[in-house]
Each structure stands twice: as C-alpha cells, then as structure tokens.
Amino acid sequence: MLMTPCRRCRGEVVQKSRGRLTMVGALMLAAAGLGLISPLLWVPAVVVAMTGAYLLAWASIGKGRWCRGCKRFDGV
C-alpha cells in the first residue's frame, strides 16, 4: 500500500490496486443478479450492487487513490 500526501488537505492518500478494485466491483455487480432469484434477496442485492458500483468508480475515476483526511478520491 503506497502512501502519498493529498493535494487538497495534505493528508495521507492510500492507493489500492486498480485491477483488483475493478475485478471485485465487477464481480459484486454480477452477484447482484442473484436478487432476481428470490424477493428475499432484493435488499442484499441492492447493497452489493451499490458497493460494486462504488468500487468501480474508485478504480476508474479515483484511480485507486483515497485520501484519509478529506475522504475524497485523489485521482487527478
């Protein structure tokens, strides 16, 4: 895990593997399809889908970087 200073607040920026974030996010979105099987799985499927979408956004827009200080993507 690589730590660099944030451009906004000079806090710690954590960088995760973009490939792993993309893979896990895509798998979570695919797993959300299980909500079609039973109405009991709809709520967990929505939560899993939202989390997967967030991970994909972190990997693409945020370039795998997250500031611990200002709680934002530090992707530029």
N, C-alpha and C. Protein backbone atom coordinates (compact mmCIF):
# COMPACT_ATOMS: atom_id res chain seq x y z
N MET A 1 0.85 -1.17 0.00
CA MET A 1 0.00 0.00 0.00
C MET A 1 0.89 1.23 0.00
N LEU A 2 0.73 2.11 -0.97
CA LEU A 2 1.54 3.29 -1.15
C LEU A 2 0.86 4.49 -0.51
N MET A 3 1.60 5.25 0.31
CA MET A 3 1.05 6.44 0.96
C MET A 3 1.73 7.68 0.38
N THR A 4 0.93 8.64 -0.10
CA THR A 4 1.43 9.91 -0.60
C THR A 4 0.58 11.02 -0.01
N PRO A 5 1.06 12.28 -0.02
CA PRO A 5 0.25 13.38 0.53
C PRO A 5 -0.86 13.80 -0.44
N CYS A 6 -1.99 14.19 0.12
CA CYS A 6 -3.14 14.68 -0.66
C CYS A 6 -2.85 16.08 -1.17
N ARG A 7 -3.34 16.39 -2.36
CA ARG A 7 -3.14 17.72 -2.92
C ARG A 7 -4.06 18.76 -2.29
N ARG A 8 -5.19 18.32 -1.73
CA ARG A 8 -6.15 19.25 -1.14
C ARG A 8 -5.82 19.57 0.32
N CYS A 9 -5.68 18.51 1.13
CA CYS A 9 -5.56 18.71 2.58
C CYS A 9 -4.22 18.25 3.15
N ARG A 10 -3.35 17.72 2.32
CA ARG A 10 -2.05 17.20 2.74
C ARG A 10 -2.16 16.01 3.68
N GLY A 11 -3.32 15.34 3.68
CA GLY A 11 -3.50 14.12 4.47
C GLY A 11 -2.91 12.93 3.74
N GLU A 12 -2.98 11.76 4.35
CA GLU A 12 -2.46 10.53 3.75
C GLU A 12 -3.39 10.05 2.64
N VAL A 13 -2.81 9.69 1.52
CA VAL A 13 -3.57 9.11 0.41
C VAL A 13 -3.17 7.65 0.27
N VAL A 14 -4.15 6.78 0.33
CA VAL A 14 -3.93 5.35 0.19
C VAL A 14 -4.18 4.98 -1.27
N GLN A 15 -3.32 4.17 -1.84
CA GLN A 15 -3.51 3.71 -3.20
C GLN A 15 -3.66 2.20 -3.20
N LYS A 16 -4.75 1.73 -3.79
CA LYS A 16 -5.04 0.30 -3.92
C LYS A 16 -4.86 -0.11 -5.38
N SER A 17 -4.76 -1.39 -5.61
CA SER A 17 -4.61 -1.92 -6.96
C SER A 17 -5.88 -1.67 -7.76
N ARG A 18 -5.75 -0.96 -8.89
CA ARG A 18 -6.91 -0.66 -9.73
C ARG A 18 -7.50 -1.92 -10.33
N GLY A 19 -6.64 -2.86 -10.69
CA GLY A 19 -7.13 -4.12 -11.27
C GLY A 19 -7.97 -4.91 -10.29
N ARG A 20 -7.51 -4.98 -9.04
CA ARG A 20 -8.27 -5.71 -8.02
C ARG A 20 -9.59 -5.01 -7.72
N LEU A 21 -9.57 -3.67 -7.62
CA LEU A 21 -10.81 -2.93 -7.36
C LEU A 21 -11.81 -3.16 -8.49
N THR A 22 -11.33 -3.14 -9.73
CA THR A 22 -12.21 -3.36 -10.88
C THR A 22 -12.79 -4.77 -10.88
N MET A 23 -11.93 -5.75 -10.61
CA MET A 23 -12.39 -7.14 -10.61
C MET A 23 -13.43 -7.38 -9.53
N VAL A 24 -13.16 -6.93 -8.31
CA VAL A 24 -14.10 -7.14 -7.21
C VAL A 24 -15.40 -6.39 -7.46
N GLY A 25 -15.31 -5.15 -7.97
CA GLY A 25 -16.51 -4.37 -8.27
C GLY A 25 -17.38 -5.04 -9.32
N ALA A 26 -16.74 -5.55 -10.38
CA ALA A 26 -17.50 -6.23 -11.44
C ALA A 26 -18.14 -7.52 -10.91
N LEU A 27 -17.41 -8.27 -10.09
CA LEU A 27 -17.98 -9.48 -9.52
C LEU A 27 -19.16 -9.17 -8.59
N MET A 28 -19.06 -8.10 -7.85
CA MET A 28 -20.17 -7.72 -6.96
C MET A 28 -21.40 -7.30 -7.77
N LEU A 29 -21.19 -6.58 -8.87
CA LEU A 29 -22.33 -6.21 -9.72
C LEU A 29 -22.96 -7.46 -10.33
N ALA A 30 -22.14 -8.41 -10.74
CA ALA A 30 -22.67 -9.65 -11.30
C ALA A 30 -23.42 -10.46 -10.23
N ALA A 31 -22.90 -10.47 -9.02
CA ALA A 31 -23.55 -11.20 -7.93
C ALA A 31 -24.89 -10.58 -7.55
N ALA A 32 -25.05 -9.29 -7.84
CA ALA A 32 -26.32 -8.63 -7.54
C ALA A 32 -27.46 -9.22 -8.37
N GLY A 33 -27.13 -9.89 -9.46
CA GLY A 33 -28.14 -10.55 -10.28
C GLY A 33 -28.87 -11.66 -9.54
N LEU A 34 -28.31 -12.12 -8.44
CA LEU A 34 -28.98 -13.15 -7.64
C LEU A 34 -30.28 -12.63 -7.03
N GLY A 35 -30.43 -11.32 -6.99
CA GLY A 35 -31.67 -10.74 -6.48
C GLY A 35 -32.88 -11.09 -7.34
N LEU A 36 -32.63 -11.53 -8.56
CA LEU A 36 -33.73 -11.92 -9.44
C LEU A 36 -34.30 -13.28 -9.06
N ILE A 37 -33.55 -14.04 -8.28
CA ILE A 37 -33.99 -15.39 -7.91
C ILE A 37 -35.13 -15.36 -6.91
N SER A 38 -35.01 -14.54 -5.90
CA SER A 38 -35.99 -14.54 -4.82
C SER A 38 -36.20 -13.12 -4.29
N PRO A 39 -37.42 -12.78 -3.93
CA PRO A 39 -37.66 -11.45 -3.34
C PRO A 39 -36.92 -11.24 -2.02
N LEU A 40 -36.54 -12.31 -1.34
CA LEU A 40 -35.79 -12.18 -0.09
C LEU A 40 -34.38 -11.65 -0.33
N LEU A 41 -33.90 -11.79 -1.55
CA LEU A 41 -32.53 -11.36 -1.87
C LEU A 41 -32.46 -9.96 -2.47
N TRP A 42 -33.59 -9.27 -2.62
CA TRP A 42 -33.58 -7.96 -3.27
C TRP A 42 -32.76 -6.94 -2.49
N VAL A 43 -32.97 -6.84 -1.20
CA VAL A 43 -32.25 -5.84 -0.39
C VAL A 43 -30.75 -6.12 -0.39
N PRO A 44 -30.31 -7.35 -0.09
CA PRO A 44 -28.86 -7.59 -0.17
C PRO A 44 -28.29 -7.36 -1.57
N ALA A 45 -29.06 -7.67 -2.60
CA ALA A 45 -28.59 -7.46 -3.97
C ALA A 45 -28.38 -5.97 -4.26
N VAL A 46 -29.26 -5.13 -3.75
CA VAL A 46 -29.10 -3.68 -3.95
C VAL A 46 -27.85 -3.18 -3.23
N VAL A 47 -27.62 -3.64 -2.02
CA VAL A 47 -26.44 -3.22 -1.26
C VAL A 47 -25.16 -3.68 -1.97
N VAL A 48 -25.15 -4.92 -2.44
CA VAL A 48 -23.98 -5.45 -3.14
C VAL A 48 -23.75 -4.68 -4.44
N ALA A 49 -24.81 -4.37 -5.17
CA ALA A 49 -24.68 -3.63 -6.42
C ALA A 49 -24.14 -2.22 -6.19
N MET A 50 -24.62 -1.55 -5.16
CA MET A 50 -24.13 -0.20 -4.86
C MET A 50 -22.66 -0.22 -4.45
N THR A 51 -22.28 -1.21 -3.67
CA THR A 51 -20.88 -1.34 -3.27
C THR A 51 -19.99 -1.65 -4.48
N GLY A 52 -20.45 -2.52 -5.35
CA GLY A 52 -19.69 -2.84 -6.56
C GLY A 52 -19.53 -1.63 -7.47
N ALA A 53 -20.59 -0.83 -7.60
CA ALA A 53 -20.51 0.39 -8.41
C ALA A 53 -19.53 1.38 -7.81
N TYR A 54 -19.52 1.49 -6.48
CA TYR A 54 -18.58 2.37 -5.80
C TYR A 54 -17.14 1.93 -6.06
N LEU A 55 -16.88 0.64 -5.97
CA LEU A 55 -15.52 0.15 -6.21
C LEU A 55 -15.09 0.40 -7.65
N LEU A 56 -16.01 0.25 -8.60
CA LEU A 56 -15.67 0.55 -9.99
C LEU A 56 -15.38 2.03 -10.18
N ALA A 57 -16.14 2.90 -9.51
CA ALA A 57 -15.89 4.34 -9.59
C ALA A 57 -14.53 4.67 -8.96
N TRP A 58 -14.21 4.04 -7.84
CA TRP A 58 -12.94 4.27 -7.18
C TRP A 58 -11.78 3.86 -8.09
N ALA A 59 -11.95 2.75 -8.78
CA ALA A 59 -10.89 2.26 -9.66
C ALA A 59 -10.73 3.13 -10.90
N SER A 60 -11.84 3.63 -11.46
CA SER A 60 -11.75 4.38 -12.71
C SER A 60 -11.59 5.88 -12.48
N ILE A 61 -12.51 6.50 -11.79
CA ILE A 61 -12.46 7.95 -11.59
C ILE A 61 -11.38 8.31 -10.57
N GLY A 62 -11.33 7.56 -9.48
CA GLY A 62 -10.38 7.85 -8.41
C GLY A 62 -9.01 7.26 -8.62
N LYS A 63 -8.82 6.47 -9.68
CA LYS A 63 -7.55 5.84 -10.00
C LYS A 63 -6.98 5.05 -8.82
N GLY A 64 -7.85 4.50 -7.99
CA GLY A 64 -7.43 3.67 -6.88
C GLY A 64 -6.89 4.43 -5.69
N ARG A 65 -7.04 5.76 -5.71
CA ARG A 65 -6.48 6.59 -4.63
C ARG A 65 -7.60 7.15 -3.76
N TRP A 66 -7.37 7.18 -2.43
CA TRP A 66 -8.36 7.66 -1.47
C TRP A 66 -7.65 8.42 -0.37
N CYS A 67 -8.10 9.66 -0.10
CA CYS A 67 -7.49 10.48 0.95
C CYS A 67 -8.17 10.17 2.28
N ARG A 68 -7.37 9.85 3.29
CA ARG A 68 -7.91 9.57 4.61
C ARG A 68 -8.31 10.85 5.35
N GLY A 69 -7.74 11.97 4.96
CA GLY A 69 -8.02 13.24 5.63
C GLY A 69 -9.34 13.86 5.19
N CYS A 70 -9.46 14.14 3.88
CA CYS A 70 -10.67 14.83 3.39
C CYS A 70 -11.71 13.86 2.84
N LYS A 71 -11.42 12.55 2.88
CA LYS A 71 -12.36 11.49 2.48
C LYS A 71 -12.85 11.65 1.04
N ARG A 72 -11.92 11.88 0.13
CA ARG A 72 -12.26 12.04 -1.28
C ARG A 72 -11.31 11.23 -2.14
N PHE A 73 -11.74 11.00 -3.39
CA PHE A 73 -10.84 10.41 -4.37
C PHE A 73 -9.77 11.45 -4.67
N ASP A 74 -8.53 11.03 -4.75
CA ASP A 74 -7.45 11.94 -5.14
C ASP A 74 -6.91 11.44 -6.46
N GLY A 75 -7.73 11.52 -7.50
CA GLY A 75 -7.40 10.83 -8.73
C GLY A 75 -6.76 11.62 -9.83
N VAL A 76 -6.69 12.90 -9.75
CA VAL A 76 -6.15 13.67 -10.87
C VAL A 76 -4.66 13.64 -10.90
